[in-house]
């Protein structure tokens, strides 16, 4: 199993965006040491002061200068807000800065109405053209326009060695079908809609057609995004997961902010959450999982086997930066990455 990380750039309680970025750099460097395959950064808008990960392209460039080998990417660029050409330009330039290490993860999401309105590059565009925009961005990267197309004359800054690896990210069978029809790798966000994971990957494989681009996969290539809290024991991990559980309960009440400290979260929840069951069934995955290194390994193996993938990108919202890094260390140990990957 390959493991990767997606960072949300969580701002620590009483901290600033600078603190969040410093923590992100340290986590990326530790991830590289531990043998994680990729380090992605998210894009969130309108979340108040809870997250500093608003511009993944800026963070990726900085992280490229602070790491050596780990792949870096977006998890995800919200393509509904931007011009496909500009996104392709940005990631081609990032690849020129760090050849062979850049992933361009493309997705879509809506946040606060004011943020969505402020981000729109075309305020009058009403149609749902997500698939078309992904295809256009990829064609810019891979010189995929026919010679008589006006865009064929557009040139990107290139490394001369590689092209960014493009992933479609989503949480529904619809996004999976888009990835399949375009012949691109697909990452399913199980921390958003875990119950439809089997249907999503069925749709992905059903619709998969190899893309006419040299760097695209010949066969379906998938990954799942999972929120994981790992501790020395199942009970300790469940205690850490309390912050995430309380955070999502607050969101349901319309309260936006940072994940609460563990003790505060336990008070809000009325106690420590139950440990994640040792066995989980397709279509009945929890939104967040927790456990000891051995338990997390077993749970991730169940999840990957049930949907037929061999890579997991781990999300973690533990508020304390030290506990967060330790969780990733324990996950790596449980899966066997500490010795250089497996």
Protein backbone atom coordinates (compact mmCIF):
# COMPACT_ATOMS: atom_id res chain seq x y z
CA UNK A 1 0.00 0.00 0.00
CA UNK A 2 1.24 3.48 -0.87
CA UNK A 3 0.50 6.31 1.55
CA UNK A 4 0.26 10.02 0.86
CA UNK A 5 -0.84 13.07 2.85
CA UNK A 6 -3.18 15.96 2.11
CA UNK A 7 -2.68 18.96 4.40
CA UNK A 8 -5.45 21.40 5.26
CA UNK A 9 -3.11 24.06 6.59
CA UNK A 10 -5.00 24.14 9.89
CA UNK A 11 -4.32 27.31 11.86
CA UNK A 12 -3.51 26.40 15.49
CA UNK A 13 -5.70 27.88 18.19
CA UNK A 14 -4.41 31.37 18.93
CA UNK A 15 -2.00 31.11 15.98
CA UNK A 16 -1.65 32.69 12.56
CA UNK A 17 -1.34 31.64 8.94
CA UNK A 18 2.44 31.85 9.35
CA UNK A 19 2.25 29.22 12.09
CA UNK A 20 0.11 27.02 9.85
CA UNK A 21 2.59 27.30 6.99
CA UNK A 22 5.53 26.51 9.26
CA UNK A 23 3.70 23.41 10.49
CA UNK A 24 2.93 22.41 6.90
CA UNK A 25 6.59 22.66 5.91
CA UNK A 26 7.68 20.58 8.88
CA UNK A 27 5.04 17.96 8.12
CA UNK A 28 6.06 17.73 4.45
CA UNK A 29 9.70 17.25 5.42
CA UNK A 30 8.78 14.57 7.96
CA UNK A 31 6.51 12.86 5.43
CA UNK A 32 9.43 12.67 3.02
CA UNK A 33 11.62 11.12 5.71
CA UNK A 34 8.94 8.56 6.55
CA UNK A 35 8.47 7.38 2.97
CA UNK A 36 5.11 8.91 2.08
CA UNK A 37 4.65 9.06 -1.69
CA UNK A 38 2.91 12.43 -2.10
CA UNK A 39 2.21 15.55 -0.10
CA UNK A 40 -0.81 17.48 -1.32
CA UNK A 41 -2.22 20.76 -0.04
CA UNK A 42 -5.89 21.61 -0.08
CA UNK A 43 -7.73 24.68 -1.33
CA UNK A 44 -10.35 26.18 0.98
CA UNK A 45 -12.02 29.58 0.91
CA UNK A 46 -14.31 31.47 3.21
CA UNK A 47 -13.39 29.37 6.23
CA UNK A 48 -12.60 32.27 8.50
CA UNK A 49 -9.33 31.91 10.34
CA UNK A 50 -9.44 28.10 10.58
CA UNK A 51 -7.35 27.25 7.52
CA UNK A 52 -4.47 28.92 5.71
CA UNK A 53 -4.53 26.57 2.72
CA UNK A 54 -6.18 28.92 0.24
CA UNK A 55 -3.55 28.93 -2.54
CA UNK A 56 -2.05 25.47 -3.07
CA UNK A 57 0.09 26.68 -5.97
CA UNK A 58 1.96 29.07 -3.65
CA UNK A 59 2.50 26.43 -0.97
CA UNK A 60 3.61 23.83 -3.51
CA UNK A 61 6.31 26.15 -4.86
CA UNK A 62 7.59 26.83 -1.35
CA UNK A 63 7.47 23.15 -0.37
CA UNK A 64 9.42 22.23 -3.49
CA UNK A 65 12.30 24.33 -2.19
CA UNK A 66 12.07 22.72 1.25
CA UNK A 67 11.95 19.05 0.16
CA UNK A 68 13.91 16.85 -2.23
CA UNK A 69 12.04 13.83 -3.54
CA UNK A 70 8.43 13.60 -2.36
CA UNK A 71 5.77 14.39 -4.97
CA UNK A 72 3.86 17.62 -4.30
CA UNK A 73 0.43 18.60 -5.50
CA UNK A 74 -3.00 20.08 -5.01
CA UNK A 75 -5.72 18.28 -3.19
CA UNK A 76 -7.45 20.02 -4.89
CA UNK A 77 -7.49 23.07 -7.18
CA UNK A 78 -11.12 24.16 -7.35
CA UNK A 79 -11.38 24.36 -11.12
CA UNK A 80 -14.91 25.79 -11.03
CA UNK A 81 -13.33 29.10 -10.01
CA UNK A 82 -10.53 29.38 -12.57
CA UNK A 83 -9.46 29.41 -16.19
CA UNK A 84 -8.15 25.96 -17.25
CA UNK A 85 -5.34 27.64 -19.19
CA UNK A 86 -4.13 29.57 -16.16
CA UNK A 87 -4.21 26.43 -14.01
CA UNK A 88 -2.23 24.55 -16.65
CA UNK A 89 0.28 27.39 -16.86
CA UNK A 90 0.70 27.40 -13.09
CA UNK A 91 1.30 23.68 -12.76
CA UNK A 92 3.58 23.52 -15.76
CA UNK A 93 5.68 26.24 -14.14
CA UNK A 94 5.68 24.29 -10.86
CA UNK A 95 6.90 21.24 -12.76
CA UNK A 96 9.70 23.34 -14.22
CA UNK A 97 10.70 24.24 -10.65
CA UNK A 98 10.52 20.62 -9.45
CA UNK A 99 10.66 18.33 -12.50
CA UNK A 100 8.87 15.02 -12.14
CA UNK A 101 7.49 15.82 -8.69
CA UNK A 102 4.26 17.74 -9.36
CA UNK A 103 0.67 16.48 -9.23
CA UNK A 104 -2.21 18.60 -10.51
CA UNK A 105 -5.31 17.53 -8.59
CA UNK A 106 -8.50 19.00 -10.05
CA UNK A 107 -11.88 19.19 -8.39
CA UNK A 108 -14.70 21.58 -7.59
CA UNK A 109 -16.48 22.82 -4.50
CA UNK A 110 -18.61 25.65 -3.23
CA UNK A 111 -17.96 27.59 -0.05
CA UNK A 112 -19.36 30.77 1.33
CA UNK A 113 -21.35 32.66 -1.36
CA UNK A 114 -19.20 35.80 -1.04
CA UNK A 115 -16.00 33.80 -1.53
CA UNK A 116 -17.45 31.90 -4.49
CA UNK A 117 -18.55 35.15 -6.12
CA UNK A 118 -15.20 36.82 -5.55
CA UNK A 119 -13.30 33.87 -7.06
CA UNK A 120 -15.32 33.43 -10.25
CA UNK A 121 -13.33 34.23 -13.37
CA UNK A 122 -16.55 34.34 -15.41
CA UNK A 123 -19.50 35.58 -13.39
CA UNK A 124 -21.97 34.90 -16.20
CA UNK A 125 -21.07 31.26 -16.74
CA UNK A 126 -23.98 29.10 -15.61
CA UNK A 127 -23.54 25.69 -17.23
CA UNK A 128 -21.94 22.76 -15.46
CA UNK A 129 -18.84 22.29 -17.61
CA UNK A 130 -16.51 20.64 -15.09
CA UNK A 131 -15.54 17.80 -17.43
CA UNK A 132 -14.84 20.23 -20.28
CA UNK A 133 -12.64 22.37 -18.05
CA UNK A 134 -10.61 19.38 -16.86
CA UNK A 135 -10.15 18.23 -20.44
CA UNK A 136 -9.05 21.69 -21.52
CA UNK A 137 -6.49 21.98 -18.71
CA UNK A 138 -5.06 18.57 -19.60
CA UNK A 139 -4.89 19.39 -23.30
CA UNK A 140 -2.88 22.52 -22.50
CA UNK A 141 -0.43 20.41 -20.48
CA UNK A 142 -0.08 17.63 -23.04
CA UNK A 143 -0.22 19.68 -26.26
CA UNK A 144 -3.49 17.94 -26.99
CA UNK A 145 -5.15 20.50 -29.23
CA UNK A 146 -5.22 19.84 -32.99
CA UNK A 147 -2.99 22.02 -35.13
CA UNK A 148 -5.90 24.08 -36.44
CA UNK A 149 -7.18 24.91 -32.93
CA UNK A 150 -6.28 28.46 -31.77
CA UNK A 151 -5.05 27.10 -28.43
CA UNK A 152 -2.46 24.92 -30.18
CA UNK A 153 -0.26 28.00 -30.50
CA UNK A 154 -0.16 28.62 -26.75
CA UNK A 155 3.09 27.65 -25.07
CA UNK A 156 3.68 26.75 -21.42
CA UNK A 157 6.83 27.00 -19.31
CA UNK A 158 8.16 23.46 -19.28
CA UNK A 159 10.83 21.46 -17.49
CA UNK A 160 11.65 19.50 -20.63
CA UNK A 161 11.65 16.34 -18.52
CA UNK A 162 8.10 15.66 -17.38
CA UNK A 163 4.50 16.79 -17.29
CA UNK A 164 2.52 17.18 -14.05
CA UNK A 165 0.51 14.09 -13.19
CA UNK A 166 -3.18 14.99 -13.37
CA UNK A 167 -5.71 13.57 -10.91
CA UNK A 168 -9.45 14.09 -10.82
CA UNK A 169 -10.69 14.43 -7.23
CA UNK A 170 -14.28 14.01 -6.16
CA UNK A 171 -16.79 12.37 -3.86
CA UNK A 172 -19.47 11.02 -6.17
CA UNK A 173 -20.04 8.56 -9.00
CA UNK A 174 -20.40 11.57 -11.30
CA UNK A 175 -16.87 12.82 -10.69
CA UNK A 176 -15.62 9.24 -11.00
CA UNK A 177 -17.31 8.88 -14.39
CA UNK A 178 -15.67 12.12 -15.56
CA UNK A 179 -12.26 10.78 -14.57
CA UNK A 180 -12.99 7.52 -16.38
CA UNK A 181 -14.14 9.13 -19.61
CA UNK A 182 -11.03 11.34 -19.64
CA UNK A 183 -8.74 8.40 -18.83
CA UNK A 184 -7.23 10.10 -15.78
CA UNK A 185 -6.38 8.81 -12.29
CA UNK A 186 -9.19 9.25 -9.76
CA UNK A 187 -9.04 10.07 -6.04
CA UNK A 188 -12.25 9.56 -4.04
CA UNK A 189 -12.75 11.73 -0.93
CA UNK A 190 -14.02 9.17 1.56
CA UNK A 191 -13.97 11.77 4.34
CA UNK A 192 -16.81 13.59 2.56
CA UNK A 193 -19.17 10.85 1.31
CA UNK A 194 -17.77 7.51 2.43
CA UNK A 195 -20.94 5.55 1.72
CA UNK A 196 -20.78 5.87 -2.07
CA UNK A 197 -17.16 4.78 -2.49
CA UNK A 198 -18.04 1.41 -4.12
CA UNK A 199 -20.42 3.02 -6.60
CA UNK A 200 -17.88 5.72 -7.44
CA UNK A 201 -15.16 3.25 -8.36
CA UNK A 202 -17.65 1.10 -10.28
CA UNK A 203 -18.55 4.18 -12.33
CA UNK A 204 -14.87 5.03 -12.80
CA UNK A 205 -13.98 1.61 -14.19
CA UNK A 206 -17.16 1.32 -16.23
CA UNK A 207 -16.46 4.59 -18.04
CA UNK A 208 -12.68 4.34 -18.27
CA UNK A 209 -11.17 4.96 -21.69
CA UNK A 210 -7.39 5.43 -22.05
CA UNK A 211 -6.56 9.05 -22.77
CA UNK A 212 -4.64 10.00 -25.92
CA UNK A 213 -1.78 11.38 -23.81
CA UNK A 214 1.52 9.61 -23.25
CA UNK A 215 1.65 10.25 -19.49
CA UNK A 216 -1.94 9.20 -18.72
CA UNK A 217 -2.49 5.64 -17.38
CA UNK A 218 -3.40 2.81 -19.71
CA UNK A 219 -5.61 1.29 -17.02
CA UNK A 220 -7.75 2.73 -14.21
CA UNK A 221 -5.64 4.16 -11.38
CA UNK A 222 -7.34 5.07 -8.12
CA UNK A 223 -6.75 6.36 -4.62
CA UNK A 224 -8.95 7.02 -1.59
CA UNK A 225 -8.75 10.02 0.74
CA UNK A 226 -9.35 9.04 4.37
CA UNK A 227 -9.44 11.07 7.60
CA UNK A 228 -7.29 9.13 10.09
CA UNK A 229 -6.38 9.75 13.73
CA UNK A 230 -3.73 7.33 14.95
CA UNK A 231 -2.51 6.81 18.52
CA UNK A 232 -0.53 4.24 20.46
CA UNK A 233 -3.80 2.46 21.31
CA UNK A 234 -7.30 2.36 19.87
CA UNK A 235 -8.56 4.26 22.90
CA UNK A 236 -5.96 7.01 22.60
CA UNK A 237 -6.72 7.38 18.90
CA UNK A 238 -10.46 7.66 19.57
CA UNK A 239 -9.67 10.41 22.06
CA UNK A 240 -7.74 12.32 19.37
CA UNK A 241 -10.61 11.79 16.93
CA UNK A 242 -12.90 13.71 19.28
CA UNK A 243 -11.59 16.99 17.83
CA UNK A 244 -12.65 16.00 14.33
CA UNK A 245 -16.05 14.72 15.48
CA UNK A 246 -16.74 17.96 17.36
CA UNK A 247 -15.52 20.04 14.42
CA UNK A 248 -18.03 18.44 12.05
CA UNK A 249 -20.82 18.78 14.57
CA UNK A 250 -20.05 22.49 14.76
CA UNK A 251 -20.14 22.74 10.96
CA UNK A 252 -23.60 21.17 10.96
CA UNK A 253 -24.66 23.99 13.27
CA UNK A 254 -23.14 26.56 10.92
CA UNK A 255 -20.17 27.29 13.16
CA UNK A 256 -16.91 27.78 11.24
CA UNK A 257 -13.61 27.66 13.08
CA UNK A 258 -10.61 25.56 14.01
CA UNK A 259 -11.01 22.02 15.39
CA UNK A 260 -11.37 22.30 19.16
CA UNK A 261 -8.69 21.06 21.55
CA UNK A 262 -9.15 17.41 22.49
CA UNK A 263 -10.36 18.03 26.04
CA UNK A 264 -12.81 20.70 24.88
CA UNK A 265 -14.09 18.40 22.14
CA UNK A 266 -14.66 15.57 24.61
CA UNK A 267 -16.69 17.92 26.79
CA UNK A 268 -18.78 19.00 23.80
CA UNK A 269 -19.40 15.41 22.73
CA UNK A 270 -20.22 14.27 26.24
CA UNK A 271 -17.39 11.76 26.30
CA UNK A 272 -14.71 10.07 24.24
CA UNK A 273 -16.01 8.66 20.93
CA UNK A 274 -16.18 4.90 20.58
CA UNK A 275 -13.16 3.35 18.83
CA UNK A 276 -13.62 2.62 15.15
CA UNK A 277 -14.93 -0.95 14.66
CA UNK A 278 -12.28 -3.48 13.68
CA UNK A 279 -14.24 -4.48 10.59
CA UNK A 280 -16.01 -2.15 8.16
CA UNK A 281 -18.25 -3.07 5.26
CA UNK A 282 -18.53 -1.55 1.76
CA UNK A 283 -21.03 1.29 1.79
CA UNK A 284 -20.80 1.61 5.57
CA UNK A 285 -17.46 3.34 6.03
CA UNK A 286 -17.27 5.92 8.83
CA UNK A 287 -16.45 9.49 7.87
CA UNK A 288 -13.40 9.42 10.15
CA UNK A 289 -11.43 6.41 11.34
CA UNK A 290 -9.06 6.00 14.27
CA UNK A 291 -6.95 3.35 15.87
CA UNK A 292 -3.55 2.05 16.83
CA UNK A 293 -1.00 1.55 14.03
CA UNK A 294 -2.08 -2.07 13.59
CA UNK A 295 -5.78 -1.18 13.62
CA UNK A 296 -5.31 1.63 11.10
CA UNK A 297 -3.34 -0.66 8.82
CA UNK A 298 -6.09 -3.28 8.93
CA UNK A 299 -8.82 -0.71 8.31
CA UNK A 300 -7.00 0.86 5.36
CA UNK A 301 -6.33 -2.58 3.89
CA UNK A 302 -10.03 -3.38 4.12
CA UNK A 303 -10.98 -0.11 2.45
CA UNK A 304 -8.48 -0.37 -0.40
CA UNK A 305 -9.38 -4.01 -1.08
CA UNK A 306 -13.10 -3.24 -1.13
CA UNK A 307 -12.71 -0.64 -3.90
CA UNK A 308 -9.68 -2.13 -5.67
CA UNK A 309 -7.03 0.54 -5.16
CA UNK A 310 -3.57 0.43 -3.59
CA UNK A 311 -2.99 4.03 -2.49
CA UNK A 312 -4.42 6.13 0.33
CA UNK A 313 -4.04 9.86 0.87
CA UNK A 314 -4.49 10.62 4.56
CA UNK A 315 -6.21 13.72 5.92
CA UNK A 316 -5.72 14.65 9.55
CA UNK A 317 -7.35 17.45 11.58
CA UNK A 318 -5.82 16.81 15.00
CA UNK A 319 -5.40 20.37 16.35
CA UNK A 320 -2.09 19.97 18.17
CA UNK A 321 0.75 20.02 15.58
CA UNK A 322 2.89 17.59 17.57
CA UNK A 323 0.03 15.11 17.96
CA UNK A 324 -0.72 15.51 14.26
CA UNK A 325 2.84 14.68 13.19
CA UNK A 326 2.96 11.79 15.66
CA UNK A 327 -0.23 10.38 14.14
CA UNK A 328 1.39 10.33 10.70
CA UNK A 329 4.50 8.69 12.15
CA UNK A 330 2.42 5.94 13.73
CA UNK A 331 0.45 5.38 10.51
CA UNK A 332 3.70 5.06 8.56
CA UNK A 333 4.99 2.59 11.14
CA UNK A 334 1.81 0.53 11.03
CA UNK A 335 1.76 0.30 7.24
CA UNK A 336 5.51 -0.26 7.03
CA UNK A 337 6.73 2.99 5.47
CA UNK A 338 9.35 3.76 8.15
CA UNK A 339 11.89 1.54 6.44
CA UNK A 340 11.50 3.45 3.17
CA UNK A 341 8.10 2.51 1.83
CA UNK A 342 6.23 -0.65 0.95
